[in-house]
Amino acid sequence: MKLHQHTLGAMIVAGLFSTATLHVHAQTGTPGIDQRQANQSQRIANGEASGTLSKREANRMKAGQAKVAGMESAAKADGKVTKAERKAIQKEQNKQSRRIYRQKHDGNKR
């Protein structure tokens, strides 16, 4: 009986630890931001490859992506990405997305 109680206790502790770990990960996890960054980086690469973005335009777009990545890193630095931080990052991603679109569709060819 003692062995069973010990095993059950260990399982409960392990379960609590894994729940706490998931909770911390959820606070700093930014899968939506990461996916959007990847999508926008791909849009820039496609623009370079097709010639709708010049090298200079692409470099400016990449600098904008780096700004968003820096905002994300700063938000994660304290271990919790707040709702306000997510909103600010999303706002900057929206701005970068518009810039990418405008530059790709401005008629300039390299």
Protein backbone atom coordinates (compact mmCIF):
# COMPACT_ATOMS: atom_id res chain seq x y z
CA MET A 1 0.00 0.00 0.00
CA LYS A 2 2.86 2.39 0.82
CA LEU A 3 4.43 1.83 -2.60
CA HIS A 4 1.15 2.66 -4.29
CA GLN A 5 0.76 5.90 -2.31
CA HIS A 6 4.35 6.91 -3.12
CA THR A 7 3.82 6.27 -6.81
CA LEU A 8 0.54 8.19 -6.79
CA GLY A 9 2.22 11.08 -4.97
CA ALA A 10 5.04 11.14 -7.51
CA MET A 11 2.51 11.18 -10.36
CA ILE A 12 0.67 14.11 -8.80
CA VAL A 13 3.88 16.07 -8.32
CA ALA A 14 4.95 15.31 -11.89
CA GLY A 15 1.54 16.41 -13.14
CA LEU A 16 1.71 19.66 -11.21
CA PHE A 17 5.21 20.34 -12.50
CA SER A 18 4.22 19.74 -16.12
CA THR A 19 1.16 21.97 -15.71
CA ALA A 20 3.32 24.74 -14.27
CA THR A 21 5.76 24.33 -17.13
CA LEU A 22 2.96 24.58 -19.68
CA HIS A 23 1.59 27.66 -17.95
CA VAL A 24 4.96 29.43 -18.13
CA HIS A 25 5.38 28.41 -21.76
CA ALA A 26 1.94 29.75 -22.60
CA GLN A 27 2.88 33.13 -21.16
CA THR A 28 5.95 33.51 -23.34
CA GLY A 29 4.85 31.46 -26.33
CA THR A 30 4.16 33.48 -29.44
CA PRO A 31 3.27 30.97 -32.14
CA GLY A 32 0.98 33.39 -34.00
CA ILE A 33 3.63 36.08 -34.06
CA ASP A 34 6.29 33.59 -35.13
CA GLN A 35 4.14 32.20 -37.96
CA ARG A 36 3.31 35.66 -39.24
CA GLN A 37 6.99 36.62 -39.16
CA ALA A 38 7.79 33.54 -41.23
CA ASN A 39 5.01 34.35 -43.71
CA GLN A 40 6.15 37.94 -44.12
CA SER A 41 9.79 36.90 -44.52
CA GLN A 42 8.68 34.49 -47.24
CA ARG A 43 6.76 37.31 -48.97
CA ILE A 44 9.95 39.39 -48.99
CA ALA A 45 11.99 36.49 -50.38
CA ASN A 46 9.37 35.88 -53.07
CA GLY A 47 9.45 39.57 -53.99
CA GLU A 48 13.22 39.47 -54.34
CA ALA A 49 13.08 36.32 -56.44
CA SER A 50 10.38 37.65 -58.76
CA GLY A 51 11.98 41.07 -59.10
CA THR A 52 9.05 42.99 -57.61
CA LEU A 53 11.33 44.05 -54.76
CA SER A 54 14.71 45.61 -55.42
CA LYS A 55 17.63 44.66 -53.19
CA ARG A 56 17.33 48.01 -51.40
CA GLU A 57 13.58 47.60 -50.86
CA ALA A 58 14.07 44.05 -49.62
CA ASN A 59 16.73 45.19 -47.17
CA ARG A 60 14.37 47.83 -45.79
CA MET A 61 11.63 45.21 -45.42
CA LYS A 62 14.07 42.87 -43.65
CA ALA A 63 15.00 45.69 -41.27
CA GLY A 64 11.30 46.07 -40.47
CA GLN A 65 11.07 42.36 -39.75
CA ALA A 66 14.11 42.66 -37.47
CA LYS A 67 12.35 45.46 -35.59
CA VAL A 68 9.38 43.18 -34.92
CA ALA A 69 11.71 40.37 -33.82
CA GLY A 70 13.40 42.79 -31.42
CA MET A 71 10.03 43.80 -29.99
CA GLU A 72 9.18 40.13 -29.50
CA SER A 73 12.50 39.44 -27.74
CA ALA A 74 12.04 42.43 -25.46
CA ALA A 75 8.50 41.30 -24.63
CA LYS A 76 9.72 37.80 -23.74
CA ALA A 77 12.65 39.06 -21.66
CA ASP A 78 10.69 39.24 -18.40
CA GLY A 79 9.10 35.82 -18.89
CA LYS A 80 5.62 37.03 -19.78
CA VAL A 81 4.27 38.51 -22.98
CA THR A 82 1.41 40.76 -21.92
CA LYS A 83 -1.72 41.51 -23.91
CA ALA A 84 -0.46 45.07 -24.48
CA GLU A 85 2.89 43.78 -25.77
CA ARG A 86 1.13 41.37 -28.12
CA LYS A 87 -1.07 44.21 -29.38
CA ALA A 88 1.97 46.45 -30.02
CA ILE A 89 3.76 43.64 -31.87
CA GLN A 90 0.66 42.93 -33.96
CA LYS A 91 0.33 46.63 -34.80
CA GLU A 92 3.93 46.72 -36.01
CA GLN A 93 3.41 43.51 -38.01
CA ASN A 94 0.38 45.11 -39.67
CA LYS A 95 2.51 48.12 -40.57
CA GLN A 96 5.24 45.91 -42.00
CA SER A 97 2.70 43.87 -43.96
CA ARG A 98 1.33 47.03 -45.60
CA ARG A 99 4.86 48.16 -46.45
CA ILE A 100 5.68 44.82 -48.05
CA TYR A 101 2.48 44.94 -50.10
CA ARG A 102 3.06 48.52 -51.25
CA GLN A 103 6.66 47.90 -52.23
CA LYS A 104 5.83 44.70 -54.10
CA HIS A 105 3.02 46.41 -56.02
CA ASP A 106 4.56 49.82 -56.72
CA GLY A 107 5.54 48.92 -60.26
CA ASN A 108 9.28 49.18 -59.67
CA LYS A 109 11.24 46.33 -61.18
CA ARG A 110 14.84 45.62 -60.39
